[in-house]
mmCIF file of all heavy atoms, coordinates in Angstrom:
data_MODEL
# 
_entry.id   MODEL 
# 
loop_
_atom_site.group_PDB 
_atom_site.id 
_atom_site.type_symbol 
_atom_site.label_atom_id 
_atom_site.label_alt_id 
_atom_site.label_comp_id 
_atom_site.label_asym_id 
_atom_site.label_entity_id 
_atom_site.label_seq_id 
_atom_site.pdbx_PDB_ins_code 
_atom_site.Cartn_x 
_atom_site.Cartn_y 
_atom_site.Cartn_z 
_atom_site.occupancy 
_atom_site.B_iso_or_equiv 
_atom_site.pdbx_formal_charge 
_atom_site.auth_seq_id 
_atom_site.auth_comp_id 
_atom_site.auth_asym_id 
_atom_site.auth_atom_id 
_atom_site.pdbx_PDB_model_num 
ATOM 1   N N   . PHE A 1 1  ? -7.982 -24.316 -179.327 1.00 0.00 ? 1  PHE A N   1 
ATOM 2   C CA  . PHE A 1 1  ? -8.458 -24.386 -180.708 1.00 0.00 ? 1  PHE A CA  1 
ATOM 3   C C   . PHE A 1 1  ? -8.188 -25.729 -181.392 1.00 0.00 ? 1  PHE A C   1 
ATOM 4   O O   . PHE A 1 1  ? -8.393 -25.867 -182.588 1.00 0.00 ? 1  PHE A O   1 
ATOM 5   C CB  . PHE A 1 1  ? -7.806 -23.266 -181.533 1.00 0.00 ? 1  PHE A CB  1 
ATOM 6   C CG  . PHE A 1 1  ? -6.305 -23.260 -181.463 1.00 0.00 ? 1  PHE A CG  1 
ATOM 7   C CD1 . PHE A 1 1  ? -5.541 -24.025 -182.319 1.00 0.00 ? 1  PHE A CD1 1 
ATOM 8   C CD2 . PHE A 1 1  ? -5.661 -22.491 -180.493 1.00 0.00 ? 1  PHE A CD2 1 
ATOM 9   C CE1 . PHE A 1 1  ? -4.166 -24.031 -182.230 1.00 0.00 ? 1  PHE A CE1 1 
ATOM 10  C CE2 . PHE A 1 1  ? -4.281 -22.486 -180.403 1.00 0.00 ? 1  PHE A CE2 1 
ATOM 11  C CZ  . PHE A 1 1  ? -3.535 -23.259 -181.273 1.00 0.00 ? 1  PHE A CZ  1 
ATOM 12  N N   . THR A 1 2  ? -7.739 -26.731 -180.616 1.00 0.00 ? 2  THR A N   1 
ATOM 13  C CA  . THR A 1 2  ? -7.407 -28.014 -181.220 1.00 0.00 ? 2  THR A CA  1 
ATOM 14  C C   . THR A 1 2  ? -7.528 -29.138 -180.203 1.00 0.00 ? 2  THR A C   1 
ATOM 15  O O   . THR A 1 2  ? -7.468 -28.902 -178.988 1.00 0.00 ? 2  THR A O   1 
ATOM 16  C CB  . THR A 1 2  ? -5.983 -27.998 -181.810 1.00 0.00 ? 2  THR A CB  1 
ATOM 17  O OG1 . THR A 1 2  ? -5.701 -29.268 -182.407 1.00 0.00 ? 2  THR A OG1 1 
ATOM 18  C CG2 . THR A 1 2  ? -4.944 -27.688 -180.747 1.00 0.00 ? 2  THR A CG2 1 
ATOM 19  N N   . THR A 1 3  ? -7.682 -30.357 -180.713 1.00 0.00 ? 3  THR A N   1 
ATOM 20  C CA  . THR A 1 3  ? -7.686 -31.520 -179.824 1.00 0.00 ? 3  THR A CA  1 
ATOM 21  C C   . THR A 1 3  ? -6.263 -31.974 -179.499 1.00 0.00 ? 3  THR A C   1 
ATOM 22  O O   . THR A 1 3  ? -6.066 -32.761 -178.589 1.00 0.00 ? 3  THR A O   1 
ATOM 23  C CB  . THR A 1 3  ? -8.459 -32.689 -180.476 1.00 0.00 ? 3  THR A CB  1 
ATOM 24  O OG1 . THR A 1 3  ? -7.869 -32.982 -181.740 1.00 0.00 ? 3  THR A OG1 1 
ATOM 25  C CG2 . THR A 1 3  ? -9.920 -32.348 -180.649 1.00 0.00 ? 3  THR A CG2 1 
ATOM 26  N N   . ALA A 1 4  ? -5.278 -31.505 -180.247 1.00 0.00 ? 4  ALA A N   1 
ATOM 27  C CA  . ALA A 1 4  ? -3.883 -31.838 -179.982 1.00 0.00 ? 4  ALA A CA  1 
ATOM 28  C C   . ALA A 1 4  ? -3.378 -30.991 -178.809 1.00 0.00 ? 4  ALA A C   1 
ATOM 29  O O   . ALA A 1 4  ? -3.883 -29.900 -178.560 1.00 0.00 ? 4  ALA A O   1 
ATOM 30  C CB  . ALA A 1 4  ? -3.031 -31.582 -181.220 1.00 0.00 ? 4  ALA A CB  1 
ATOM 31  N N   . MET A 1 5  ? -2.400 -31.521 -178.096 1.00 0.00 ? 5  MET A N   1 
ATOM 32  C CA  . MET A 1 5  ? -1.847 -30.816 -176.942 1.00 0.00 ? 5  MET A CA  1 
ATOM 33  C C   . MET A 1 5  ? -0.342 -30.636 -177.085 1.00 0.00 ? 5  MET A C   1 
ATOM 34  O O   . MET A 1 5  ? 0.320  -31.432 -177.744 1.00 0.00 ? 5  MET A O   1 
ATOM 35  C CB  . MET A 1 5  ? -2.090 -31.614 -175.659 1.00 0.00 ? 5  MET A CB  1 
ATOM 36  C CG  . MET A 1 5  ? -3.501 -31.727 -175.220 1.00 0.00 ? 5  MET A CG  1 
ATOM 37  S SD  . MET A 1 5  ? -3.515 -32.461 -173.572 1.00 0.00 ? 5  MET A SD  1 
ATOM 38  C CE  . MET A 1 5  ? -5.161 -33.101 -173.514 1.00 0.00 ? 5  MET A CE  1 
ATOM 39  N N   . ILE A 1 6  ? 0.174  -29.607 -176.433 1.00 0.00 ? 6  ILE A N   1 
ATOM 40  C CA  . ILE A 1 6  ? 1.621  -29.482 -176.282 1.00 0.00 ? 6  ILE A CA  1 
ATOM 41  C C   . ILE A 1 6  ? 2.004  -30.519 -175.236 1.00 0.00 ? 6  ILE A C   1 
ATOM 42  O O   . ILE A 1 6  ? 1.374  -30.602 -174.177 1.00 0.00 ? 6  ILE A O   1 
ATOM 43  C CB  . ILE A 1 6  ? 1.996  -28.066 -175.800 1.00 0.00 ? 6  ILE A CB  1 
ATOM 44  C CG1 . ILE A 1 6  ? 1.603  -27.027 -176.846 1.00 0.00 ? 6  ILE A CG1 1 
ATOM 45  C CG2 . ILE A 1 6  ? 3.480  -27.986 -175.462 1.00 0.00 ? 6  ILE A CG2 1 
ATOM 46  C CD1 . ILE A 1 6  ? 1.715  -25.593 -176.377 1.00 0.00 ? 6  ILE A CD1 1 
ATOM 47  N N   . THR A 1 7  ? 3.007  -31.325 -175.514 1.00 0.00 ? 7  THR A N   1 
ATOM 48  C CA  . THR A 1 7  ? 3.358  -32.410 -174.603 1.00 0.00 ? 7  THR A CA  1 
ATOM 49  C C   . THR A 1 7  ? 4.863  -32.657 -174.558 1.00 0.00 ? 7  THR A C   1 
ATOM 50  O O   . THR A 1 7  ? 5.563  -32.415 -175.542 1.00 0.00 ? 7  THR A O   1 
ATOM 51  C CB  . THR A 1 7  ? 2.627  -33.712 -174.999 1.00 0.00 ? 7  THR A CB  1 
ATOM 52  O OG1 . THR A 1 7  ? 3.003  -34.746 -174.101 1.00 0.00 ? 7  THR A OG1 1 
ATOM 53  C CG2 . THR A 1 7  ? 2.950  -34.133 -176.418 1.00 0.00 ? 7  THR A CG2 1 
ATOM 54  N N   . ALA A 1 8  ? 5.309  -33.151 -173.421 1.00 0.00 ? 8  ALA A N   1 
ATOM 55  C CA  . ALA A 1 8  ? 6.724  -33.528 -173.274 1.00 0.00 ? 8  ALA A CA  1 
ATOM 56  C C   . ALA A 1 8  ? 6.999  -34.908 -173.859 1.00 0.00 ? 8  ALA A C   1 
ATOM 57  O O   . ALA A 1 8  ? 8.146  -35.332 -173.928 1.00 0.00 ? 8  ALA A O   1 
ATOM 58  C CB  . ALA A 1 8  ? 7.121  -33.485 -171.799 1.00 0.00 ? 8  ALA A CB  1 
ATOM 59  N N   . LEU A 1 9  ? 5.951  -35.591 -174.288 1.00 0.00 ? 9  LEU A N   1 
ATOM 60  C CA  . LEU A 1 9  ? 6.113  -36.937 -174.847 1.00 0.00 ? 9  LEU A CA  1 
ATOM 61  C C   . LEU A 1 9  ? 7.072  -36.958 -176.030 1.00 0.00 ? 9  LEU A C   1 
ATOM 62  O O   . LEU A 1 9  ? 7.886  -37.871 -176.154 1.00 0.00 ? 9  LEU A O   1 
ATOM 63  C CB  . LEU A 1 9  ? 4.747  -37.499 -175.258 1.00 0.00 ? 9  LEU A CB  1 
ATOM 64  C CG  . LEU A 1 9  ? 4.738  -38.866 -175.928 1.00 0.00 ? 9  LEU A CG  1 
ATOM 65  C CD1 . LEU A 1 9  ? 5.330  -39.930 -175.011 1.00 0.00 ? 9  LEU A CD1 1 
ATOM 66  C CD2 . LEU A 1 9  ? 3.332  -39.235 -176.344 1.00 0.00 ? 9  LEU A CD2 1 
ATOM 67  N N   . THR A 1 10 ? 6.992  -35.962 -176.887 1.00 0.00 ? 10 THR A N   1 
ATOM 68  C CA  . THR A 1 10 ? 7.882  -35.968 -178.063 1.00 0.00 ? 10 THR A CA  1 
ATOM 69  C C   . THR A 1 10 ? 9.347  -35.818 -177.658 1.00 0.00 ? 10 THR A C   1 
ATOM 70  O O   . THR A 1 10 ? 10.225 -36.351 -178.330 1.00 0.00 ? 10 THR A O   1 
ATOM 71  C CB  . THR A 1 10 ? 7.481  -34.868 -179.062 1.00 0.00 ? 10 THR A CB  1 
ATOM 72  O OG1 . THR A 1 10 ? 7.326  -33.632 -178.370 1.00 0.00 ? 10 THR A OG1 1 
ATOM 73  C CG2 . THR A 1 10 ? 6.178  -35.220 -179.768 1.00 0.00 ? 10 THR A CG2 1 
ATOM 74  N N   . LEU A 1 11 ? 9.621  -35.142 -176.568 1.00 0.00 ? 11 LEU A N   1 
ATOM 75  C CA  . LEU A 1 11 ? 10.985 -35.074 -176.052 1.00 0.00 ? 11 LEU A CA  1 
ATOM 76  C C   . LEU A 1 11 ? 11.452 -36.477 -175.665 1.00 0.00 ? 11 LEU A C   1 
ATOM 77  O O   . LEU A 1 11 ? 12.553 -36.904 -176.027 1.00 0.00 ? 11 LEU A O   1 
ATOM 78  C CB  . LEU A 1 11 ? 11.047 -34.140 -174.832 1.00 0.00 ? 11 LEU A CB  1 
ATOM 79  C CG  . LEU A 1 11 ? 12.436 -33.909 -174.260 1.00 0.00 ? 11 LEU A CG  1 
ATOM 80  C CD1 . LEU A 1 11 ? 12.553 -32.474 -173.785 1.00 0.00 ? 11 LEU A CD1 1 
ATOM 81  C CD2 . LEU A 1 11 ? 12.760 -34.842 -173.138 1.00 0.00 ? 11 LEU A CD2 1 
ATOM 82  N N   . ALA A 1 12 ? 10.597 -37.219 -174.960 1.00 0.00 ? 12 ALA A N   1 
ATOM 83  C CA  . ALA A 1 12 ? 10.945 -38.577 -174.536 1.00 0.00 ? 12 ALA A CA  1 
ATOM 84  C C   . ALA A 1 12 ? 11.131 -39.510 -175.728 1.00 0.00 ? 12 ALA A C   1 
ATOM 85  O O   . ALA A 1 12 ? 12.030 -40.360 -175.729 1.00 0.00 ? 12 ALA A O   1 
ATOM 86  C CB  . ALA A 1 12 ? 9.873  -39.121 -173.606 1.00 0.00 ? 12 ALA A CB  1 
ATOM 87  N N   . MET A 1 13 ? 10.313 -39.348 -176.745 1.00 0.00 ? 13 MET A N   1 
ATOM 88  C CA  . MET A 1 13 ? 10.436 -40.220 -177.918 1.00 0.00 ? 13 MET A CA  1 
ATOM 89  C C   . MET A 1 13 ? 11.713 -39.919 -178.693 1.00 0.00 ? 13 MET A C   1 
ATOM 90  O O   . MET A 1 13 ? 12.365 -40.837 -179.185 1.00 0.00 ? 13 MET A O   1 
ATOM 91  C CB  . MET A 1 13 ? 9.198  -40.108 -178.791 1.00 0.00 ? 13 MET A CB  1 
ATOM 92  C CG  . MET A 1 13 ? 8.003  -40.706 -178.108 1.00 0.00 ? 13 MET A CG  1 
ATOM 93  S SD  . MET A 1 13 ? 6.652  -40.926 -179.233 1.00 0.00 ? 13 MET A SD  1 
ATOM 94  C CE  . MET A 1 13 ? 5.467  -41.667 -178.136 1.00 0.00 ? 13 MET A CE  1 
ATOM 95  N N   . ASN A 1 14 ? 12.058 -38.641 -178.808 1.00 0.00 ? 14 ASN A N   1 
ATOM 96  C CA  . ASN A 1 14 ? 13.334 -38.300 -179.437 1.00 0.00 ? 14 ASN A CA  1 
ATOM 97  C C   . ASN A 1 14 ? 14.500 -38.865 -178.633 1.00 0.00 ? 14 ASN A C   1 
ATOM 98  O O   . ASN A 1 14 ? 15.425 -39.453 -179.204 1.00 0.00 ? 14 ASN A O   1 
ATOM 99  C CB  . ASN A 1 14 ? 13.483 -36.778 -179.566 1.00 0.00 ? 14 ASN A CB  1 
ATOM 100 C CG  . ASN A 1 14 ? 12.837 -36.243 -180.808 1.00 0.00 ? 14 ASN A CG  1 
ATOM 101 O OD1 . ASN A 1 14 ? 13.099 -36.698 -181.910 1.00 0.00 ? 14 ASN A OD1 1 
ATOM 102 N ND2 . ASN A 1 14 ? 11.983 -35.253 -180.637 1.00 0.00 ? 14 ASN A ND2 1 
ATOM 103 N N   . LEU A 1 15 ? 14.456 -38.703 -177.325 1.00 0.00 ? 15 LEU A N   1 
ATOM 104 C CA  . LEU A 1 15 ? 15.525 -39.228 -176.485 1.00 0.00 ? 15 LEU A CA  1 
ATOM 105 C C   . LEU A 1 15 ? 15.651 -40.738 -176.649 1.00 0.00 ? 15 LEU A C   1 
ATOM 106 O O   . LEU A 1 15 ? 16.757 -41.277 -176.758 1.00 0.00 ? 15 LEU A O   1 
ATOM 107 C CB  . LEU A 1 15 ? 15.285 -38.860 -175.021 1.00 0.00 ? 15 LEU A CB  1 
ATOM 108 C CG  . LEU A 1 15 ? 16.367 -39.295 -174.036 1.00 0.00 ? 15 LEU A CG  1 
ATOM 109 C CD1 . LEU A 1 15 ? 17.716 -38.688 -174.402 1.00 0.00 ? 15 LEU A CD1 1 
ATOM 110 C CD2 . LEU A 1 15 ? 15.967 -38.901 -172.622 1.00 0.00 ? 15 LEU A CD2 1 
ATOM 111 N N   . THR A 1 16 ? 14.518 -41.414 -176.691 1.00 0.00 ? 16 THR A N   1 
ATOM 112 C CA  . THR A 1 16 ? 14.508 -42.859 -176.922 1.00 0.00 ? 16 THR A CA  1 
ATOM 113 C C   . THR A 1 16 ? 15.228 -43.194 -178.229 1.00 0.00 ? 16 THR A C   1 
ATOM 114 O O   . THR A 1 16 ? 16.076 -44.087 -178.271 1.00 0.00 ? 16 THR A O   1 
ATOM 115 C CB  . THR A 1 16 ? 13.052 -43.385 -176.962 1.00 0.00 ? 16 THR A CB  1 
ATOM 116 O OG1 . THR A 1 16 ? 12.455 -43.170 -175.680 1.00 0.00 ? 16 THR A OG1 1 
ATOM 117 C CG2 . THR A 1 16 ? 12.989 -44.849 -177.319 1.00 0.00 ? 16 THR A CG2 1 
ATOM 118 N N   . ALA A 1 17 ? 14.913 -42.466 -179.276 1.00 0.00 ? 17 ALA A N   1 
ATOM 119 C CA  . ALA A 1 17 ? 15.544 -42.706 -180.580 1.00 0.00 ? 17 ALA A CA  1 
ATOM 120 C C   . ALA A 1 17 ? 17.045 -42.444 -180.536 1.00 0.00 ? 17 ALA A C   1 
ATOM 121 O O   . ALA A 1 17 ? 17.815 -43.119 -181.221 1.00 0.00 ? 17 ALA A O   1 
ATOM 122 C CB  . ALA A 1 17 ? 14.894 -41.837 -181.651 1.00 0.00 ? 17 ALA A CB  1 
ATOM 123 N N   . PHE A 1 18 ? 17.472 -41.494 -179.717 1.00 0.00 ? 18 PHE A N   1 
ATOM 124 C CA  . PHE A 1 18 ? 18.887 -41.133 -179.670 1.00 0.00 ? 18 PHE A CA  1 
ATOM 125 C C   . PHE A 1 18 ? 19.731 -42.092 -178.839 1.00 0.00 ? 18 PHE A C   1 
ATOM 126 O O   . PHE A 1 18 ? 20.933 -42.191 -179.059 1.00 0.00 ? 18 PHE A O   1 
ATOM 127 C CB  . PHE A 1 18 ? 19.061 -39.708 -179.131 1.00 0.00 ? 18 PHE A CB  1 
ATOM 128 C CG  . PHE A 1 18 ? 18.413 -38.643 -179.974 1.00 0.00 ? 18 PHE A CG  1 
ATOM 129 C CD1 . PHE A 1 18 ? 17.893 -37.509 -179.394 1.00 0.00 ? 18 PHE A CD1 1 
ATOM 130 C CD2 . PHE A 1 18 ? 18.306 -38.783 -181.349 1.00 0.00 ? 18 PHE A CD2 1 
ATOM 131 C CE1 . PHE A 1 18 ? 17.292 -36.521 -180.154 1.00 0.00 ? 18 PHE A CE1 1 
ATOM 132 C CE2 . PHE A 1 18 ? 17.701 -37.816 -182.130 1.00 0.00 ? 18 PHE A CE2 1 
ATOM 133 C CZ  . PHE A 1 18 ? 17.196 -36.677 -181.540 1.00 0.00 ? 18 PHE A CZ  1 
ATOM 134 N N   . ILE A 1 19 ? 19.122 -42.797 -177.883 1.00 0.00 ? 19 ILE A N   1 
ATOM 135 C CA  . ILE A 1 19 ? 19.927 -43.669 -177.027 1.00 0.00 ? 19 ILE A CA  1 
ATOM 136 C C   . ILE A 1 19 ? 19.741 -45.154 -177.315 1.00 0.00 ? 19 ILE A C   1 
ATOM 137 O O   . ILE A 1 19 ? 20.482 -45.981 -176.794 1.00 0.00 ? 19 ILE A O   1 
ATOM 138 C CB  . ILE A 1 19 ? 19.693 -43.393 -175.522 1.00 0.00 ? 19 ILE A CB  1 
ATOM 139 C CG1 . ILE A 1 19 ? 18.277 -43.731 -175.104 1.00 0.00 ? 19 ILE A CG1 1 
ATOM 140 C CG2 . ILE A 1 19 ? 20.063 -41.951 -175.185 1.00 0.00 ? 19 ILE A CG2 1 
ATOM 141 C CD1 . ILE A 1 19 ? 18.035 -43.654 -173.597 1.00 0.00 ? 19 ILE A CD1 1 
ATOM 142 N N   . LEU A 1 20 ? 18.756 -45.492 -178.150 1.00 0.00 ? 20 LEU A N   1 
ATOM 143 C CA  . LEU A 1 20 ? 18.500 -46.896 -178.487 1.00 0.00 ? 20 LEU A CA  1 
ATOM 144 C C   . LEU A 1 20 ? 18.724 -47.144 -179.970 1.00 0.00 ? 20 LEU A C   1 
ATOM 145 O O   . LEU A 1 20 ? 18.784 -46.210 -180.761 1.00 0.00 ? 20 LEU A O   1 
ATOM 146 C CB  . LEU A 1 20 ? 17.061 -47.281 -178.119 1.00 0.00 ? 20 LEU A CB  1 
ATOM 147 C CG  . LEU A 1 20 ? 16.649 -47.168 -176.651 1.00 0.00 ? 20 LEU A CG  1 
ATOM 148 C CD1 . LEU A 1 20 ? 15.173 -47.519 -176.490 1.00 0.00 ? 20 LEU A CD1 1 
ATOM 149 C CD2 . LEU A 1 20 ? 17.502 -48.051 -175.760 1.00 0.00 ? 20 LEU A CD2 1 
ATOM 150 N N   . THR A 1 21 ? 18.809 -48.411 -180.329 1.00 0.00 ? 21 THR A N   1 
ATOM 151 C CA  . THR A 1 21 ? 18.905 -48.787 -181.738 1.00 0.00 ? 21 THR A CA  1 
ATOM 152 C C   . THR A 1 21 ? 17.520 -48.623 -182.378 1.00 0.00 ? 21 THR A C   1 
ATOM 153 O O   . THR A 1 21 ? 16.512 -48.533 -181.667 1.00 0.00 ? 21 THR A O   1 
ATOM 154 C CB  . THR A 1 21 ? 19.340 -50.255 -181.897 1.00 0.00 ? 21 THR A CB  1 
ATOM 155 O OG1 . THR A 1 21 ? 18.288 -51.101 -181.385 1.00 0.00 ? 21 THR A OG1 1 
ATOM 156 C CG2 . THR A 1 21 ? 20.660 -50.538 -181.177 1.00 0.00 ? 21 THR A CG2 1 
ATOM 157 N N   . PRO A 1 22 ? 17.452 -48.614 -183.704 1.00 0.00 ? 22 PRO A N   1 
ATOM 158 C CA  . PRO A 1 22 ? 16.131 -48.515 -184.357 1.00 0.00 ? 22 PRO A CA  1 
ATOM 159 C C   . PRO A 1 22 ? 15.176 -49.633 -183.937 1.00 0.00 ? 22 PRO A C   1 
ATOM 160 O O   . PRO A 1 22 ? 13.995 -49.379 -183.678 1.00 0.00 ? 22 PRO A O   1 
ATOM 161 C CB  . PRO A 1 22 ? 16.462 -48.598 -185.846 1.00 0.00 ? 22 PRO A CB  1 
ATOM 162 C CG  . PRO A 1 22 ? 17.868 -48.084 -185.939 1.00 0.00 ? 22 PRO A CG  1 
ATOM 163 C CD  . PRO A 1 22 ? 18.543 -48.538 -184.675 1.00 0.00 ? 22 PRO A CD  1 
ATOM 164 N N   . ARG A 1 23 ? 15.669 -50.856 -183.842 1.00 0.00 ? 23 ARG A N   1 
ATOM 165 C CA  . ARG A 1 23 ? 14.811 -51.986 -183.444 1.00 0.00 ? 23 ARG A CA  1 
ATOM 166 C C   . ARG A 1 23 ? 14.312 -51.805 -182.008 1.00 0.00 ? 23 ARG A C   1 
ATOM 167 O O   . ARG A 1 23 ? 13.141 -52.043 -181.717 1.00 0.00 ? 23 ARG A O   1 
ATOM 168 C CB  . ARG A 1 23 ? 15.569 -53.302 -183.569 1.00 0.00 ? 23 ARG A CB  1 
ATOM 169 C CG  . ARG A 1 23 ? 14.733 -54.507 -183.126 1.00 0.00 ? 23 ARG A CG  1 
ATOM 170 C CD  . ARG A 1 23 ? 15.474 -55.783 -183.256 1.00 0.00 ? 23 ARG A CD  1 
ATOM 171 N NE  . ARG A 1 23 ? 15.551 -56.112 -184.680 1.00 0.00 ? 23 ARG A NE  1 
ATOM 172 C CZ  . ARG A 1 23 ? 16.315 -57.056 -185.178 1.00 0.00 ? 23 ARG A CZ  1 
ATOM 173 N NH1 . ARG A 1 23 ? 17.086 -57.761 -184.407 1.00 0.00 ? 23 ARG A NH1 1 
ATOM 174 N NH2 . ARG A 1 23 ? 16.314 -57.298 -186.468 1.00 0.00 ? 23 ARG A NH2 1 
ATOM 175 N N   . GLU A 1 24 ? 15.193 -51.398 -181.127 1.00 0.00 ? 24 GLU A N   1 
ATOM 176 C CA  . GLU A 1 24 ? 14.793 -51.163 -179.738 1.00 0.00 ? 24 GLU A CA  1 
ATOM 177 C C   . GLU A 1 24 ? 13.795 -50.012 -179.641 1.00 0.00 ? 24 GLU A C   1 
ATOM 178 O O   . GLU A 1 24 ? 12.819 -50.093 -178.889 1.00 0.00 ? 24 GLU A O   1 
ATOM 179 C CB  . GLU A 1 24 ? 16.025 -50.862 -178.872 1.00 0.00 ? 24 GLU A CB  1 
ATOM 180 C CG  . GLU A 1 24 ? 16.951 -52.047 -178.695 1.00 0.00 ? 24 GLU A CG  1 
ATOM 181 C CD  . GLU A 1 24 ? 18.306 -51.688 -178.105 1.00 0.00 ? 24 GLU A CD  1 
ATOM 182 O OE1 . GLU A 1 24 ? 18.666 -50.491 -178.073 1.00 0.00 ? 24 GLU A OE1 1 
ATOM 183 O OE2 . GLU A 1 24 ? 19.019 -52.617 -177.695 1.00 0.00 ? 24 GLU A OE2 1 
ATOM 184 N N   . THR A 1 25 ? 14.024 -48.959 -180.408 1.00 0.00 ? 25 THR A N   1 
ATOM 185 C CA  . THR A 1 25 ? 13.104 -47.817 -180.427 1.00 0.00 ? 25 THR A CA  1 
ATOM 186 C C   . THR A 1 25 ? 11.727 -48.265 -180.902 1.00 0.00 ? 25 THR A C   1 
ATOM 187 O O   . THR A 1 25 ? 10.704 -47.909 -180.302 1.00 0.00 ? 25 THR A O   1 
ATOM 188 C CB  . THR A 1 25 ? 13.654 -46.699 -181.328 1.00 0.00 ? 25 THR A CB  1 
ATOM 189 O OG1 . THR A 1 25 ? 14.932 -46.291 -180.840 1.00 0.00 ? 25 THR A OG1 1 
ATOM 190 C CG2 . THR A 1 25 ? 12.719 -45.504 -181.378 1.00 0.00 ? 25 THR A CG2 1 
ATOM 191 N N   . PHE A 1 26 ? 11.687 -49.047 -181.968 1.00 0.00 ? 26 PHE A N   1 
ATOM 192 C CA  . PHE A 1 26 ? 10.421 -49.560 -182.488 1.00 0.00 ? 26 PHE A CA  1 
ATOM 193 C C   . PHE A 1 26 ? 9.702  -50.389 -181.420 1.00 0.00 ? 26 PHE A C   1 
ATOM 194 O O   . PHE A 1 26 ? 8.497  -50.233 -181.203 1.00 0.00 ? 26 PHE A O   1 
ATOM 195 C CB  . PHE A 1 26 ? 10.671 -50.404 -183.750 1.00 0.00 ? 26 PHE A CB  1 
ATOM 196 C CG  . PHE A 1 26 ? 9.425  -50.998 -184.344 1.00 0.00 ? 26 PHE A CG  1 
ATOM 197 C CD1 . PHE A 1 26 ? 8.531  -50.208 -185.051 1.00 0.00 ? 26 PHE A CD1 1 
ATOM 198 C CD2 . PHE A 1 26 ? 9.144  -52.347 -184.196 1.00 0.00 ? 26 PHE A CD2 1 
ATOM 199 C CE1 . PHE A 1 26 ? 7.371  -50.749 -185.597 1.00 0.00 ? 26 PHE A CE1 1 
ATOM 200 C CE2 . PHE A 1 26 ? 7.992  -52.901 -184.740 1.00 0.00 ? 26 PHE A CE2 1 
ATOM 201 C CZ  . PHE A 1 26 ? 7.107  -52.096 -185.445 1.00 0.00 ? 26 PHE A CZ  1 
# 
């Protein structure tokens, strides 16, 4: 019913934010 998908990408992006600095995450 949507063009959006359930994805593991958001898990990876959160993990990135948790282990890197804000500048590195950006």
